[in-house]
Amino acid sequence: MAGCGSEEKAYRRFLELFLREMRPPLREDSPVPARPLSDSVVEDEVEGECLDLCLQHLCKYNCPFPLAAGLARGTADSVLQSDLSSCHLIKTTEDGTETETIPLIESVKLARLVFNKLCETCCVWLKVFPPRRRSQAYYETSIHAIKNMRRKMEDRHVIIPDFNALFNLQDQEEQAYFAVFDGHGGIDAATYAANHLHVNLVKQEMFSQDPAEALCQAFKRTDERFVQKASRETLRCGTTGVVTFLRGQTLYVAWLGDSQVMLVKKGQAVELMKPHKPDREDEKRRIEALGGCVIWFGTWRVNGSLSVSRAIGDSEHKPYICGDADHALFPLDGTEDYLILACDGFYDTVCPEEAVRVVSDHLQENNGDTAMVAHKLVASARDAGSSDNITVIVVFLRDPRAPPPSDEQQEEEEVEPDEEVEEEEEEEAMQGELVCQDGGGENGGKARSGWPLQQCSAPADLAYEERTDSFTDRTSLSTTGPDLTLTAGDCFCPTPSTSDLGLREEEEEEEEGVGCVPNLRFHPAVDAGWKQQLCSLSRDEERGGWTKSWSTGWRKSGAFESGPSAAAS
């Protein structure tokens, strides 16, 4: 009980500091804290845009994910219930004498409304804090992304450690969502998919009964909507994508194009999918049956242009480049080690066996510390000759510090323990809940011992022009715990102009004067099961860039109920 009270107190303190910095409300002539990439959206895209705006903005202030998810959900519900007519774009006829309202919403006006509603939700939560949801254990993750030798960064990645909290799903098994999108011809398609695919997933009728099919339908829906957007805005870009959705003890995978995910089980790589490339015989036959062709131009390409055969977007290459995703599902038995999601910039130069070796060597050399695993994998791809954008997400499915379970141990776990063993396990669980040292931790009431927890991340990469934070993990939210001792600390520094982002120096200088809420640092005096996640900047002298490294510890997650009632109460 004391831990819950301390958690609420810390969250209230964050809300106070956040509101002090925001200085609401924003007037019609007030600049928005972040400029949307697109000029307009349709009404069906409002929810995804709201969630992204809220989570990315809260991320800048080091908001813990459980709190950020609840605030984003409450804000989005409030916006969806609002009258959006004031945000509609006005179209003027050619003679200039008549105007008519078209079903498009101006992004800047929508953003201004979202930030005002976010502040209103924060004020409501300060007065009446919503009840807690059941805690969910988070997967431990390591993330790294670089622009590499390319002129622009067109990758986007998405991490939703608690899917139920973000969408206020009740009575559901634990669910988590991870995705990598590799754009080509521009960042619009990748950003769109990162903002909307998970929203389209929840809206599918078969989401509860058949997540795999729901994922494919979500890909199809996202592709159709982006093609419409591309037609309105004359966009000629596309994106590949791979999504992993974890529900309980089942892994669901869906993909388009050559972004891939690999499973490592008992130290061995397990193939989960086959990427969509023109050199696949079945893909070549499909394209030729539609009247297209696959020719060699440095590599096999569809109509001599694209080196992938399926993608979101690429409207001028439809139907040869289709948006029909493939899917697969895999039951998990507890012997799985981790997943590696990455774009083709990684998998084109690093084979599965080499990836396993890199991860294994790093864990052995660093006593199971996972903070820099993704950095090592990215470095291995670059050293192997990759010049493309590289994004890598490693999701650990079990405690990497614990020895792998043997077959005998699995058989023993299936046997019902006697009363003495049960008492010992209860005592160990209580100790793990109070003192989580050397990688031990409480697992949220699940039967998975030593469940590792992960850094929290927002659901989509920020695609705003003034974003200047570290490129290593553009979506991460800081981890906090129930007993936070607030201490003033330096805010996250804007990335220098020499970074992989390639941002202008004047943009950096503009951001330096912006104040922000001091980082929430905490000391586990009441509940040591919450451990600080350290965010540090390290200078990479060889490559002349800045990276943002994460040191992830053990933590219990406390998400919150949210929704229209929470925002309106």
Protein backbone atom coordinates (compact mmCIF):
# COMPACT_ATOMS: atom_id res chain seq x y z
CA MET A 1 0.00 0.00 0.00
CA ALA A 2 2.86 2.33 0.81
CA GLY A 3 4.35 1.72 -2.60
CA CYS A 4 1.06 2.60 -4.31
CA GLY A 5 0.81 5.83 -2.34
CA SER A 6 4.37 6.80 -3.18
CA GLU A 7 3.75 6.02 -6.85
CA GLU A 8 0.67 8.24 -6.96
CA LYS A 9 2.53 11.00 -5.14
CA ALA A 10 5.37 10.86 -7.66
CA TYR A 11 2.97 10.92 -10.59
CA ARG A 12 1.12 13.90 -9.13
CA ARG A 13 4.42 15.69 -8.76
CA PHE A 14 5.21 15.00 -12.40
CA LEU A 15 1.82 16.37 -13.47
CA GLU A 16 2.42 19.56 -11.50
CA LEU A 17 5.82 20.12 -13.11
CA PHE A 18 4.51 19.24 -16.55
CA LEU A 19 1.62 21.71 -16.32
CA ARG A 20 3.98 24.39 -15.06
CA GLU A 21 6.11 23.98 -18.17
CA MET A 22 3.22 23.71 -20.62
CA ARG A 23 1.50 26.93 -19.45
CA PRO A 24 -1.89 26.04 -20.95
CA PRO A 25 -4.06 26.80 -22.75
CA LEU A 26 -2.71 27.37 -26.25
CA ARG A 27 -4.49 30.16 -28.13
CA GLU A 28 -5.28 30.14 -31.83
CA ASP A 29 -2.16 32.14 -32.61
CA SER A 30 0.07 30.14 -30.24
CA PRO A 31 2.73 27.92 -31.82
CA VAL A 32 2.31 24.22 -31.11
CA PRO A 33 5.07 22.41 -29.17
CA ALA A 34 5.69 20.15 -32.18
CA ARG A 35 4.94 20.66 -35.87
CA PRO A 36 3.15 17.71 -37.50
CA LEU A 37 4.81 16.31 -40.59
CA SER A 38 1.57 16.28 -42.59
CA ASP A 39 -0.61 19.31 -43.28
CA SER A 40 -3.91 17.48 -42.92
CA VAL A 41 -5.54 14.28 -41.71
CA VAL A 42 -8.94 12.66 -42.13
CA GLU A 43 -11.21 11.91 -39.20
CA ASP A 44 -10.31 8.21 -39.12
CA GLU A 45 -6.68 9.20 -38.51
CA VAL A 46 -7.39 11.45 -35.53
CA GLU A 47 -6.95 8.77 -32.86
CA GLY A 48 -3.53 7.68 -34.10
CA GLU A 49 -2.35 11.27 -34.43
CA CYS A 50 -3.60 12.11 -30.92
CA LEU A 51 -1.87 9.15 -29.30
CA ASP A 52 1.36 9.91 -31.13
CA LEU A 53 1.33 13.62 -30.26
CA CYS A 54 0.66 12.92 -26.59
CA LEU A 55 3.16 10.13 -26.13
CA GLN A 56 5.96 11.86 -27.98
CA HIS A 57 5.45 15.10 -26.08
CA LEU A 58 5.29 13.32 -22.71
CA CYS A 59 8.41 11.40 -23.74
CA LYS A 60 10.32 14.69 -24.01
CA TYR A 61 9.53 15.30 -20.34
CA ASN A 62 10.65 11.84 -19.21
CA CYS A 63 7.14 10.69 -18.36
CA PRO A 64 6.86 7.06 -17.19
CA PHE A 65 5.01 4.89 -19.67
CA PRO A 66 2.15 3.78 -17.37
CA LEU A 67 1.27 7.42 -16.73
CA ALA A 68 1.90 8.46 -20.34
CA ALA A 69 -0.32 5.67 -21.69
CA GLY A 70 -3.19 6.66 -19.42
CA LEU A 71 -2.88 10.36 -20.23
CA ALA A 72 -2.66 9.68 -23.96
CA ARG A 73 -5.70 7.42 -23.85
CA GLY A 74 -7.75 9.92 -21.87
CA THR A 75 -6.71 12.79 -24.13
CA ALA A 76 -7.49 10.88 -27.32
CA ASP A 77 -10.93 9.92 -26.02
CA SER A 78 -11.62 13.53 -25.09
CA VAL A 79 -10.57 14.77 -28.54
CA LEU A 80 -12.67 12.13 -30.29
CA GLN A 81 -15.73 13.32 -28.35
CA SER A 82 -15.07 16.95 -29.28
CA ASP A 83 -16.53 18.93 -32.16
CA LEU A 84 -13.73 19.03 -34.74
CA SER A 85 -15.52 21.33 -37.18
CA SER A 86 -13.32 24.25 -36.12
CA CYS A 87 -10.28 22.26 -37.29
CA HIS A 88 -11.63 21.53 -40.77
CA LEU A 89 -9.78 22.86 -43.79
CA ILE A 90 -11.68 25.32 -45.97
CA LYS A 91 -11.44 24.85 -49.73
CA THR A 92 -11.87 27.89 -51.96
CA THR A 93 -13.30 27.47 -55.45
CA GLU A 94 -11.34 28.63 -58.49
CA ASP A 95 -13.37 31.84 -58.93
CA GLY A 96 -12.82 32.68 -55.26
CA THR A 97 -16.50 33.45 -54.62
CA GLU A 98 -17.55 30.32 -52.77
CA THR A 99 -16.05 28.13 -50.10
CA GLU A 100 -16.92 24.70 -48.87
CA THR A 101 -15.79 22.52 -46.03
CA ILE A 102 -14.04 19.34 -47.07
CA PRO A 103 -13.61 16.35 -44.73
CA LEU A 104 -9.99 17.15 -43.93
CA ILE A 105 -8.65 18.34 -40.60
CA GLU A 106 -5.81 20.82 -40.39
CA SER A 107 -2.96 19.13 -38.52
CA VAL A 108 -1.73 22.23 -36.68
CA LYS A 109 -5.21 23.05 -35.37
CA LEU A 110 -5.67 19.44 -34.32
CA ALA A 111 -2.30 19.46 -32.55
CA ARG A 112 -3.26 22.63 -30.67
CA LEU A 113 -6.51 20.99 -29.56
CA VAL A 114 -4.68 17.83 -28.51
CA PHE A 115 -2.18 19.69 -26.33
CA ASN A 116 -4.96 21.68 -24.67
CA LYS A 117 -6.93 18.49 -24.00
CA LEU A 118 -3.78 16.87 -22.64
CA CYS A 119 -3.40 19.69 -20.14
CA GLU A 120 -7.08 19.39 -19.19
CA THR A 121 -6.64 15.67 -18.60
CA CYS A 122 -3.59 16.33 -16.43
CA CYS A 123 -5.60 18.83 -14.36
CA VAL A 124 -8.41 16.31 -13.89
CA TRP A 125 -5.94 13.62 -12.80
CA LEU A 126 -4.38 16.00 -10.30
CA LYS A 127 -7.77 16.44 -8.65
CA VAL A 128 -9.03 12.86 -8.88
CA PHE A 129 -6.38 10.29 -9.69
CA PRO A 130 -7.84 7.25 -11.52
CA PRO A 131 -7.57 3.76 -10.01
CA ARG A 132 -4.66 1.51 -10.87
CA ARG A 133 -4.78 -1.25 -13.42
CA ARG A 134 -3.30 -4.66 -12.75
CA SER A 135 0.47 -4.51 -13.07
CA GLN A 136 2.00 -6.01 -16.19
CA ALA A 137 5.58 -7.17 -16.46
CA TYR A 138 7.46 -5.58 -19.35
CA TYR A 139 9.82 -7.32 -21.72
CA GLU A 140 13.37 -6.11 -21.48
CA THR A 141 14.44 -4.50 -24.75
CA SER A 142 17.49 -2.96 -26.38
CA ILE A 143 17.05 -0.50 -29.25
CA HIS A 144 19.40 1.30 -31.58
CA ALA A 145 18.92 3.10 -34.92
CA ILE A 146 21.32 5.03 -37.15
CA LYS A 147 21.07 6.98 -40.39
CA ASN A 148 24.37 5.46 -41.46
CA MET A 149 25.63 6.60 -44.88
CA ARG A 150 22.23 7.59 -46.21
CA ARG A 151 21.25 11.23 -46.62
CA LYS A 152 18.04 10.82 -44.62
CA MET A 153 16.74 8.53 -41.93
CA GLU A 154 13.61 6.80 -43.19
CA ASP A 155 13.23 4.07 -40.55
CA ARG A 156 10.63 4.22 -37.81
CA HIS A 157 10.10 1.85 -34.91
CA VAL A 158 7.28 1.32 -32.45
CA ILE A 159 7.32 -0.14 -28.95
CA ILE A 160 4.18 -0.53 -26.86
CA PRO A 161 5.16 -2.50 -23.75
CA ASP A 162 1.63 -2.49 -22.33
CA PHE A 163 -0.88 -2.63 -25.18
CA ASN A 164 -3.82 -2.97 -22.79
CA ALA A 165 -2.97 0.25 -20.96
CA LEU A 166 -2.71 2.34 -24.11
CA PHE A 167 -6.08 1.16 -25.43
CA ASN A 168 -7.79 0.68 -22.05
CA LEU A 169 -8.47 -2.99 -22.75
CA GLN A 170 -10.03 -4.78 -19.80
CA ASP A 171 -9.84 -8.48 -18.88
CA GLN A 172 -7.21 -9.23 -21.53
CA GLU A 173 -4.08 -11.30 -21.35
CA GLU A 174 -0.81 -9.38 -21.26
CA GLN A 175 -0.17 -7.87 -24.68
CA ALA A 176 2.85 -6.08 -26.15
CA TYR A 177 3.52 -4.67 -29.61
CA PHE A 178 6.85 -4.16 -31.40
CA ALA A 179 7.37 -2.99 -34.98
CA VAL A 180 10.01 -1.75 -37.41
CA PHE A 181 9.12 0.18 -40.57
CA ASP A 182 11.71 0.83 -43.28
CA GLY A 183 10.62 3.66 -45.57
CA HIS A 184 11.81 4.35 -49.10
CA GLY A 185 11.32 7.45 -51.20
CA GLY A 186 10.58 9.52 -48.10
CA ILE A 187 9.58 9.14 -44.45
CA ASP A 188 5.83 9.73 -44.83
CA ALA A 189 4.79 6.10 -45.33
CA ALA A 190 6.91 4.78 -42.47
CA THR A 191 5.67 7.52 -40.15
CA TYR A 192 2.07 6.88 -41.15
CA ALA A 193 2.38 3.15 -40.50
CA ALA A 194 4.09 3.77 -37.17
CA ASN A 195 1.27 6.07 -36.07
CA HIS A 196 -1.73 4.12 -37.31
CA LEU A 197 -1.15 0.40 -37.79
CA HIS A 198 -1.58 -0.51 -34.12
CA VAL A 199 -4.74 1.63 -33.97
CA ASN A 200 -6.12 -0.18 -37.01
CA LEU A 201 -5.22 -3.48 -35.33
CA VAL A 202 -7.43 -2.80 -32.31
CA LYS A 203 -10.32 -1.76 -34.56
CA GLN A 204 -10.43 -5.12 -36.36
CA GLU A 205 -13.45 -7.27 -35.46
CA MET A 206 -11.29 -10.39 -35.22
CA PHE A 207 -8.70 -8.77 -32.94
CA SER A 208 -9.81 -10.72 -29.86
CA GLN A 209 -10.29 -14.11 -31.56
CA ASP A 210 -7.62 -14.12 -34.29
CA PRO A 211 -4.80 -11.58 -33.78
CA ALA A 212 -2.80 -12.97 -36.72
CA GLU A 213 -5.57 -12.31 -39.22
CA ALA A 214 -6.29 -8.98 -37.53
CA LEU A 215 -2.67 -7.97 -38.11
CA CYS A 216 -2.96 -8.73 -41.82
CA GLN A 217 -6.18 -6.74 -42.07
CA ALA A 218 -4.53 -3.87 -40.18
CA PHE A 219 -1.69 -3.85 -42.71
CA LYS A 220 -4.21 -3.83 -45.56
CA ARG A 221 -6.23 -1.03 -43.98
CA THR A 222 -3.11 1.04 -43.34
CA ASP A 223 -1.97 0.56 -46.93
CA GLU A 224 -5.34 1.60 -48.35
CA ARG A 225 -5.52 4.70 -46.17
CA PHE A 226 -1.99 5.77 -46.98
CA VAL A 227 -2.56 5.33 -50.71
CA GLN A 228 -5.52 7.70 -50.38
CA LYS A 229 -3.34 10.16 -48.46
CA ALA A 230 -0.59 9.86 -51.07
CA SER A 231 -3.10 10.68 -53.80
CA ARG A 232 -4.26 13.81 -51.95
CA GLU A 233 -0.76 15.03 -51.14
CA THR A 234 1.15 13.73 -54.18
CA LEU A 235 3.40 11.40 -52.18
CA ARG A 236 5.46 8.74 -53.93
CA CYS A 237 6.95 6.85 -51.00
CA GLY A 238 6.37 3.48 -49.38
CA THR A 239 7.52 1.38 -46.46
CA THR A 240 8.15 -2.22 -45.55
CA GLY A 241 7.24 -3.37 -42.08
CA VAL A 242 7.45 -6.20 -39.59
CA VAL A 243 5.25 -6.44 -36.48
CA THR A 244 5.43 -8.81 -33.54
CA PHE A 245 2.45 -8.99 -31.20
CA LEU A 246 2.80 -10.92 -27.95
CA ARG A 247 -0.38 -12.08 -26.25
CA GLY A 248 0.05 -14.31 -23.25
CA GLN A 249 2.11 -17.31 -24.33
CA THR A 250 1.71 -16.79 -28.09
CA LEU A 251 3.83 -14.82 -30.54
CA TYR A 252 2.11 -13.37 -33.61
CA VAL A 253 4.15 -12.06 -36.55
CA ALA A 254 3.04 -10.16 -39.66
CA TRP A 255 5.19 -8.52 -42.32
CA LEU A 256 5.39 -6.76 -45.67
CA GLY A 257 8.63 -6.53 -47.62
CA ASP A 258 12.12 -7.29 -46.38
CA SER A 259 12.08 -6.05 -42.79
CA GLN A 260 12.42 -9.17 -40.67
CA VAL A 261 12.17 -10.70 -37.21
CA MET A 262 14.20 -13.64 -35.95
CA LEU A 263 13.61 -15.82 -32.88
CA VAL A 264 16.47 -17.25 -30.85
CA LYS A 265 15.55 -20.35 -28.86
CA LYS A 266 18.01 -22.26 -26.70
CA GLY A 267 20.81 -20.31 -28.31
CA GLN A 268 19.81 -21.25 -31.87
CA ALA A 269 18.28 -19.05 -34.56
CA VAL A 270 14.75 -20.00 -35.60
CA GLU A 271 13.33 -18.74 -38.90
CA LEU A 272 9.93 -17.13 -38.44
CA MET A 273 9.31 -15.68 -41.89
CA LYS A 274 10.46 -15.28 -45.47
CA PRO A 275 10.85 -11.66 -46.65
CA HIS A 276 8.95 -10.46 -49.69
CA LYS A 277 11.57 -9.99 -52.39
CA PRO A 278 11.25 -10.10 -56.19
CA ASP A 279 13.69 -13.01 -56.45
CA ARG A 280 11.24 -15.34 -54.66
CA GLU A 281 9.69 -17.58 -57.31
CA ASP A 282 6.17 -17.23 -55.95
CA GLU A 283 6.48 -13.44 -55.83
CA LYS A 284 7.92 -13.34 -59.34
CA ARG A 285 5.02 -15.42 -60.67
CA ARG A 286 2.48 -13.18 -58.91
CA ILE A 287 4.01 -10.02 -60.39
CA GLU A 288 4.27 -11.43 -63.90
CA ALA A 289 0.67 -12.71 -63.74
CA LEU A 290 -0.43 -9.12 -63.09
CA GLY A 291 1.49 -7.86 -66.13
CA GLY A 292 4.62 -6.67 -64.36
CA CYS A 293 8.17 -7.88 -64.67
CA VAL A 294 11.15 -8.64 -62.47
CA ILE A 295 14.50 -7.61 -63.92
CA TRP A 296 18.08 -7.42 -62.69
CA PHE A 297 19.37 -3.90 -62.10
CA GLY A 298 22.08 -4.25 -59.46
CA THR A 299 19.60 -6.56 -57.73
CA TRP A 300 16.25 -8.06 -58.68
CA ARG A 301 13.68 -5.27 -58.96
CA VAL A 302 9.96 -4.98 -59.70
CA ASN A 303 9.61 -3.27 -63.09
CA GLY A 304 13.26 -2.30 -62.75
CA SER A 305 12.51 -0.02 -59.80
CA LEU A 306 11.87 -1.40 -56.30
CA SER A 307 13.82 -4.23 -54.70
CA VAL A 308 10.85 -5.31 -52.54
CA SER A 309 7.69 -6.95 -53.83
CA ARG A 310 5.24 -5.88 -51.09
CA ALA A 311 4.93 -2.65 -49.15
CA ILE A 312 2.62 -0.04 -47.68
CA GLY A 313 2.26 2.81 -50.17
CA ASP A 314 4.08 2.96 -53.52
CA SER A 315 0.77 3.76 -55.20
CA GLU A 316 2.33 4.18 -58.66
CA HIS A 317 3.59 0.58 -58.45
CA LYS A 318 0.26 -1.01 -57.50
CA PRO A 319 -0.84 -3.76 -57.95
CA TYR A 320 2.62 -5.25 -58.45
CA ILE A 321 3.76 -3.91 -55.07
CA CYS A 322 0.81 -5.11 -53.01
CA GLY A 323 -0.16 -4.48 -49.40
CA ASP A 324 -1.15 -8.05 -48.52
CA ALA A 325 0.83 -9.05 -45.44
CA ASP A 326 1.82 -12.58 -44.51
CA HIS A 327 1.48 -13.81 -40.94
CA ALA A 328 2.52 -16.61 -38.61
CA LEU A 329 1.99 -17.56 -34.98
CA PHE A 330 4.21 -19.46 -32.57
CA PRO A 331 3.34 -20.88 -29.13
CA LEU A 332 5.93 -19.98 -26.50
CA ASP A 333 7.10 -22.61 -24.00
CA GLY A 334 9.54 -20.55 -21.93
CA THR A 335 12.74 -21.72 -23.64
CA GLU A 336 12.79 -18.79 -26.08
CA ASP A 337 15.64 -16.36 -25.50
CA TYR A 338 14.89 -13.23 -27.52
CA LEU A 339 13.61 -11.69 -30.74
CA ILE A 340 15.55 -9.49 -33.16
CA LEU A 341 13.46 -7.11 -35.26
CA ALA A 342 15.40 -5.18 -37.88
CA CYS A 343 15.26 -3.60 -41.31
CA ASP A 344 17.11 -4.84 -44.38
CA GLY A 345 20.04 -2.58 -43.53
CA PHE A 346 20.84 -5.13 -40.84
CA TYR A 347 19.71 -8.47 -42.28
CA ASP A 348 21.32 -7.89 -45.70
CA THR A 349 24.79 -7.99 -44.14
CA VAL A 350 24.43 -10.01 -40.90
CA CYS A 351 23.36 -13.65 -41.04
CA PRO A 352 21.28 -15.16 -38.20
CA GLU A 353 24.19 -17.18 -36.84
CA GLU A 354 26.39 -14.09 -36.66
CA ALA A 355 23.65 -12.15 -34.89
CA VAL A 356 23.34 -14.88 -32.26
CA ARG A 357 27.10 -14.89 -31.75
CA VAL A 358 27.24 -11.11 -31.30
CA VAL A 359 24.46 -11.15 -28.69
CA SER A 360 25.92 -14.15 -26.86
CA ASP A 361 29.40 -12.63 -26.71
CA HIS A 362 28.07 -9.32 -25.44
CA LEU A 363 25.97 -10.91 -22.70
CA GLN A 364 28.89 -13.06 -21.53
CA GLU A 365 31.28 -10.12 -21.48
CA ASN A 366 28.85 -7.87 -19.61
CA ASN A 367 27.30 -10.29 -17.09
CA GLY A 368 23.97 -10.35 -18.88
CA ASP A 369 23.61 -6.57 -19.21
CA THR A 370 21.44 -5.92 -22.25
CA ALA A 371 21.74 -2.14 -22.52
CA MET A 372 24.14 -2.10 -25.48
CA VAL A 373 23.11 -5.30 -27.27
CA ALA A 374 21.36 -3.47 -30.11
CA HIS A 375 24.35 -1.13 -30.47
CA LYS A 376 26.62 -4.14 -30.97
CA LEU A 377 24.33 -5.59 -33.62
CA VAL A 378 24.11 -2.29 -35.49
CA ALA A 379 27.90 -1.95 -35.35
CA SER A 380 28.31 -5.47 -36.73
CA ALA A 381 26.09 -4.61 -39.70
CA ARG A 382 27.95 -1.39 -40.41
CA ASP A 383 31.31 -3.11 -40.11
CA ALA A 384 30.07 -5.76 -42.54
CA GLY A 385 29.51 -3.08 -45.16
CA SER A 386 25.93 -1.90 -44.68
CA SER A 387 25.44 1.69 -45.84
CA ASP A 388 21.66 1.72 -45.42
CA ASN A 389 19.62 3.01 -42.48
CA ILE A 390 19.82 0.45 -39.68
CA THR A 391 17.26 -0.14 -36.94
CA VAL A 392 17.48 -3.04 -34.48
CA ILE A 393 15.15 -3.98 -31.62
CA VAL A 394 16.04 -6.89 -29.35
CA VAL A 395 13.17 -8.16 -27.18
CA PHE A 396 14.23 -10.55 -24.43
CA LEU A 397 11.59 -13.19 -23.73
CA ARG A 398 13.27 -14.46 -20.57
CA ASP A 399 15.83 -13.22 -18.08
CA PRO A 400 19.13 -13.08 -20.01
CA ARG A 401 21.04 -13.29 -16.73
CA ALA A 402 19.55 -16.65 -15.78
CA PRO A 403 20.86 -19.95 -17.20
CA PRO A 404 18.69 -21.43 -19.97
CA PRO A 405 16.11 -23.93 -18.68
CA SER A 406 17.01 -27.55 -19.33
CA ASP A 407 14.57 -30.24 -20.45
CA GLU A 408 14.65 -31.77 -16.97
CA GLN A 409 13.78 -28.44 -15.39
CA GLN A 410 10.83 -28.06 -17.74
CA GLU A 411 9.52 -31.50 -16.79
CA GLU A 412 9.89 -30.67 -13.11
CA GLU A 413 7.97 -27.43 -13.59
CA GLU A 414 5.05 -29.39 -15.01
CA VAL A 415 4.85 -31.49 -11.83
CA GLU A 416 2.77 -29.87 -9.10
CA PRO A 417 5.10 -28.79 -6.27
CA ASP A 418 4.52 -30.02 -2.75
CA GLU A 419 3.49 -27.74 0.10
CA GLU A 420 7.06 -27.11 1.26
CA VAL A 421 8.19 -26.03 -2.20
CA GLU A 422 5.18 -23.74 -2.50
CA GLU A 423 6.09 -22.05 0.77
CA GLU A 424 9.67 -21.53 -0.43
CA GLU A 425 8.46 -20.04 -3.71
CA GLU A 426 6.10 -17.69 -1.89
CA GLU A 427 8.94 -16.54 0.35
CA GLU A 428 11.23 -16.01 -2.65
CA ALA A 429 8.51 -14.09 -4.46
CA MET A 430 8.06 -11.77 -1.50
CA GLN A 431 11.79 -11.16 -1.30
CA GLY A 432 11.94 -10.54 -5.05
CA GLU A 433 9.12 -8.02 -4.77
CA LEU A 434 10.92 -6.03 -2.09
CA VAL A 435 14.54 -6.41 -3.15
CA CYS A 436 15.26 -7.02 -6.83
CA GLN A 437 19.01 -7.33 -7.02
CA ASP A 438 21.29 -9.13 -9.46
CA GLY A 439 18.52 -9.43 -12.02
CA GLY A 440 15.83 -10.90 -9.75
CA GLY A 441 12.35 -9.55 -9.94
CA GLU A 442 8.67 -10.03 -9.39
CA ASN A 443 6.84 -11.03 -12.53
CA GLY A 444 3.46 -9.46 -12.10
CA GLY A 445 1.79 -12.61 -10.80
CA LYS A 446 2.58 -14.68 -13.89
CA ALA A 447 4.16 -18.12 -13.82
CA ARG A 448 7.31 -16.94 -15.57
CA SER A 449 10.09 -16.74 -13.02
CA GLY A 450 12.49 -13.84 -13.23
CA TRP A 451 10.44 -12.00 -15.86
CA PRO A 452 12.68 -9.23 -17.21
CA LEU A 453 11.27 -5.76 -17.56
CA GLN A 454 12.02 -3.31 -20.30
CA GLN A 455 12.50 0.33 -20.92
CA CYS A 456 9.26 2.08 -21.78
CA SER A 457 8.72 3.51 -25.20
CA ALA A 458 6.10 5.51 -26.96
CA PRO A 459 4.17 3.88 -29.77
CA ALA A 460 5.73 5.71 -32.67
CA ASP A 461 8.79 7.58 -33.73
CA LEU A 462 8.31 11.32 -33.70
CA ALA A 463 8.09 12.69 -37.22
CA TYR A 464 8.18 16.40 -36.49
CA GLU A 465 10.58 18.79 -38.09
CA GLU A 466 11.92 20.22 -34.83
CA ARG A 467 12.66 16.89 -33.14
CA THR A 468 16.25 17.03 -31.94
CA ASP A 469 16.70 14.24 -29.44
CA SER A 470 19.04 11.29 -29.63
CA PHE A 471 18.67 9.02 -32.57
CA THR A 472 19.44 5.87 -30.67
CA ASP A 473 15.93 5.56 -29.32
CA ARG A 474 13.73 8.39 -30.41
CA THR A 475 10.69 6.96 -28.62
CA SER A 476 11.88 5.93 -25.19
CA LEU A 477 10.18 7.07 -22.04
CA SER A 478 12.05 7.01 -18.78
CA THR A 479 11.24 4.37 -16.19
CA THR A 480 10.11 5.45 -12.77
CA GLY A 481 8.97 3.68 -9.65
CA PRO A 482 6.67 4.06 -6.68
CA ASP A 483 9.14 5.88 -4.43
CA LEU A 484 10.60 8.71 -6.45
CA THR A 485 12.91 11.22 -4.88
CA LEU A 486 12.73 14.22 -7.17
CA THR A 487 16.11 15.75 -7.78
CA ALA A 488 16.96 18.43 -10.27
CA GLY A 489 19.03 17.16 -13.13
CA ASP A 490 20.03 18.15 -16.59
CA CYS A 491 17.31 17.66 -19.12
CA PHE A 492 17.93 15.53 -22.13
CA CYS A 493 20.22 17.56 -24.37
CA PRO A 494 19.39 18.16 -28.01
CA THR A 495 21.48 16.15 -30.39
CA PRO A 496 24.40 18.16 -31.82
CA SER A 497 24.42 19.03 -35.47
CA THR A 498 27.15 16.43 -36.01
CA SER A 499 24.85 13.58 -35.09
CA ASP A 500 23.40 10.94 -37.37
CA LEU A 501 20.23 13.00 -37.57
CA GLY A 502 22.02 15.67 -39.57
CA LEU A 503 19.96 18.43 -37.99
CA ARG A 504 20.85 22.05 -38.50
CA GLU A 505 22.95 23.72 -35.83
CA GLU A 506 20.46 26.57 -35.52
CA GLU A 507 17.72 24.08 -34.64
CA GLU A 508 19.88 22.80 -31.83
CA GLU A 509 20.49 26.32 -30.53
CA GLU A 510 16.78 27.05 -30.65
CA GLU A 511 16.05 24.02 -28.48
CA GLU A 512 18.73 24.80 -25.90
CA GLY A 513 16.67 27.59 -24.40
CA VAL A 514 13.62 25.40 -23.89
CA GLY A 515 13.04 24.45 -20.31
CA CYS A 516 11.71 21.07 -19.32
CA VAL A 517 10.69 19.11 -16.29
CA PRO A 518 13.74 17.89 -14.36
CA ASN A 519 14.42 14.20 -14.78
CA LEU A 520 12.59 12.12 -12.21
CA ARG A 521 15.26 10.22 -10.33
CA PHE A 522 14.24 7.86 -7.61
CA HIS A 523 15.73 5.83 -4.85
CA PRO A 524 14.01 2.54 -4.01
CA ALA A 525 13.58 3.21 -0.32
CA VAL A 526 10.07 1.80 -0.05
CA ASP A 527 10.04 -0.77 -2.81
CA ALA A 528 13.41 -1.66 -4.23
CA GLY A 529 11.67 -3.68 -6.91
CA TRP A 530 11.54 -0.45 -8.83
CA LYS A 531 14.92 0.37 -10.18
CA GLN A 532 16.15 3.40 -12.02
CA GLN A 533 16.58 3.36 -15.75
CA LEU A 534 19.53 5.52 -16.53
CA CYS A 535 19.63 7.57 -19.67
CA SER A 536 23.06 8.75 -20.63
CA LEU A 537 24.71 10.35 -23.58
CA SER A 538 28.00 9.01 -24.83
CA ARG A 539 30.22 10.56 -27.45
CA ASP A 540 31.23 8.20 -30.24
CA GLU A 541 34.52 9.74 -31.34
CA GLU A 542 35.10 7.35 -34.24
CA ARG A 543 31.85 8.05 -36.04
CA GLY A 544 31.46 11.63 -34.91
CA GLY A 545 27.92 11.11 -33.63
CA TRP A 546 26.00 11.11 -30.41
CA THR A 547 24.18 8.08 -29.13
CA LYS A 548 21.73 7.59 -26.33
CA SER A 549 22.38 4.49 -24.28
CA TRP A 550 19.95 2.87 -21.92
CA SER A 551 20.69 0.93 -18.76
CA THR A 552 17.55 -0.98 -17.96
CA GLY A 553 16.82 -2.39 -14.54
CA TRP A 554 14.08 -4.37 -12.90
CA ARG A 555 10.78 -2.67 -12.39
CA LYS A 556 7.15 -3.34 -11.67
CA SER A 557 4.68 -1.58 -13.94
CA GLY A 558 1.62 0.19 -12.60
CA ALA A 559 -0.61 1.35 -15.43
CA PHE A 560 -3.85 3.22 -14.98
CA GLU A 561 -7.40 3.04 -16.13
CA SER A 562 -8.23 5.81 -18.50
CA GLY A 563 -10.87 6.79 -20.96
CA PRO A 564 -13.66 9.27 -21.38
CA SER A 565 -14.75 8.92 -17.79
CA ALA A 566 -11.27 9.58 -16.49
CA ALA A 567 -10.82 12.68 -18.58
CA ALA A 568 -14.28 14.03 -17.94
CA SER A 569 -14.59 13.30 -14.22
